[in-house]
Amino acid sequence: MRMSSQPGSEVSVYIPKQRLGLVRRGLRVEESLSPRFLRVHQSNTFTVTEDRDFVVVSIPAGLLLPDQPCPDARESPGTQAFYRVDLSLAFAEMVSPVHWRVENFFQCVGK
């Protein structure tokens, strides 16, 4: 996976529909789950797209990217953008929703 050193205009979270135990036992590998409900805990503004393999949630970066002081301010004065996204996703084929947390810390930027 390629990661950017600085934030872009949106944050995209890719949730696999066929891996990590999300496919019920006994189903063929080609079959995938049907998203029923999605909640992004940090924002009400997001778009959802999906294909056979992934549910992709895209959130405007301006809603998620606070700055914090660099962890080692003496060696790297400045700020660091970061995001933390918490998602709850329910699939029609599952009893309970799946909860995801995705975090990313970008490189420090001098003042």
Protein backbone atom coordinates (compact mmCIF):
# COMPACT_ATOMS: atom_id res chain seq x y z
CA MET A 1 0.00 0.00 0.00
CA ARG A 2 1.34 3.44 -0.88
CA MET A 3 1.11 6.08 1.78
CA SER A 4 1.49 9.79 1.26
CA SER A 5 3.91 11.78 3.40
CA GLN A 6 1.40 14.67 3.54
CA PRO A 7 -2.41 14.65 3.59
CA GLY A 8 -4.51 14.97 0.45
CA SER A 9 -8.00 16.37 -0.01
CA GLU A 10 -9.73 13.28 1.36
CA VAL A 11 -9.11 10.25 3.52
CA SER A 12 -10.14 6.90 2.02
CA VAL A 13 -10.61 3.74 4.06
CA TYR A 14 -10.73 0.41 2.19
CA ILE A 15 -12.65 -2.32 4.01
CA PRO A 16 -12.34 -5.81 2.51
CA LYS A 17 -15.60 -7.68 2.05
CA GLN A 18 -14.05 -11.12 1.59
CA ARG A 19 -11.09 -11.26 3.93
CA LEU A 20 -10.35 -11.11 7.64
CA GLY A 21 -13.16 -13.51 8.51
CA LEU A 22 -15.96 -11.39 7.03
CA VAL A 23 -17.25 -14.17 4.77
CA ARG A 24 -19.52 -16.70 6.44
CA ARG A 25 -18.29 -20.27 6.70
CA GLY A 26 -19.37 -22.49 3.87
CA LEU A 27 -19.62 -19.71 1.29
CA ARG A 28 -17.48 -19.71 -1.80
CA VAL A 29 -14.51 -17.36 -1.84
CA GLU A 30 -16.04 -15.49 -4.82
CA GLU A 31 -19.07 -14.44 -2.79
CA SER A 32 -18.92 -11.23 -0.81
CA LEU A 33 -20.97 -9.55 1.86
CA SER A 34 -23.66 -6.89 1.34
CA PRO A 35 -23.17 -3.65 3.31
CA ARG A 36 -26.34 -2.67 5.15
CA PHE A 37 -25.34 0.19 7.45
CA LEU A 38 -22.28 2.41 7.85
CA ARG A 39 -21.45 4.98 10.48
CA VAL A 40 -18.37 7.20 10.53
CA HIS A 41 -18.02 8.36 14.13
CA GLN A 42 -16.02 11.53 13.35
CA SER A 43 -18.15 12.91 10.51
CA ASN A 44 -21.59 12.85 8.92
CA THR A 45 -20.05 13.85 5.57
CA PHE A 46 -18.65 10.93 3.60
CA THR A 47 -19.18 8.95 0.40
CA VAL A 48 -19.33 5.19 0.05
CA THR A 49 -18.47 3.18 -3.03
CA GLU A 50 -18.05 -0.53 -3.35
CA ASP A 51 -16.94 -3.18 -5.74
CA ARG A 52 -16.80 -6.94 -5.42
CA ASP A 53 -13.88 -6.84 -2.98
CA PHE A 54 -14.04 -3.57 -1.02
CA VAL A 55 -16.26 -1.00 0.60
CA VAL A 56 -14.46 2.35 0.18
CA VAL A 57 -15.34 5.18 2.56
CA SER A 58 -14.04 8.63 1.54
CA ILE A 59 -14.13 11.52 4.01
CA PRO A 60 -13.07 15.13 3.31
CA ALA A 61 -9.66 15.53 4.95
CA GLY A 62 -10.52 18.95 6.37
CA LEU A 63 -12.99 17.28 8.73
CA LEU A 64 -10.42 14.83 10.12
CA LEU A 65 -6.95 16.37 10.10
CA PRO A 66 -6.00 18.21 13.28
CA ASP A 67 -2.38 19.20 13.78
CA GLN A 68 -0.34 18.31 16.83
CA PRO A 69 3.17 19.28 17.90
CA CYS A 70 5.82 16.96 16.52
CA PRO A 71 6.59 14.13 18.97
CA ASP A 72 10.24 15.19 19.33
CA ALA A 73 9.84 18.96 19.15
CA ARG A 74 13.52 19.65 19.93
CA GLU A 75 14.77 17.75 16.88
CA SER A 76 11.75 18.41 14.63
CA PRO A 77 10.03 21.66 15.59
CA GLY A 78 6.72 22.18 13.88
CA THR A 79 3.45 20.32 13.56
CA GLN A 80 2.27 16.95 12.39
CA ALA A 81 -1.11 16.25 10.74
CA PHE A 82 -2.85 13.04 11.74
CA TYR A 83 -6.22 11.37 11.51
CA ARG A 84 -8.11 8.71 13.37
CA VAL A 85 -11.25 7.28 11.79
CA ASP A 86 -13.68 5.02 13.65
CA LEU A 87 -16.22 3.15 11.53
CA SER A 88 -19.08 0.79 12.28
CA LEU A 89 -20.17 -1.31 9.33
CA ALA A 90 -23.03 -3.81 9.35
CA PHE A 91 -23.43 -6.43 6.66
CA ALA A 92 -26.77 -8.05 5.80
CA GLU A 93 -25.24 -11.50 6.28
CA MET A 94 -23.87 -10.81 9.79
CA VAL A 95 -25.59 -10.42 13.14
CA SER A 96 -23.26 -7.79 14.65
CA PRO A 97 -21.55 -4.80 13.03
CA VAL A 98 -17.80 -4.75 12.43
CA HIS A 99 -15.87 -1.90 14.06
CA TRP A 100 -12.77 -0.44 12.41
CA ARG A 101 -10.23 2.12 13.58
CA VAL A 102 -7.73 3.52 11.10
CA GLU A 103 -4.97 5.94 12.13
CA ASN A 104 -2.24 7.70 10.21
CA PHE A 105 0.41 10.20 11.30
CA PHE A 106 2.05 12.28 8.59
CA GLN A 107 5.59 13.66 8.56
CA CYS A 108 6.41 16.71 10.66
CA VAL A 109 6.34 20.04 8.90
CA GLY A 110 8.52 22.90 10.18
CA LYS A 111 7.08 26.25 11.10
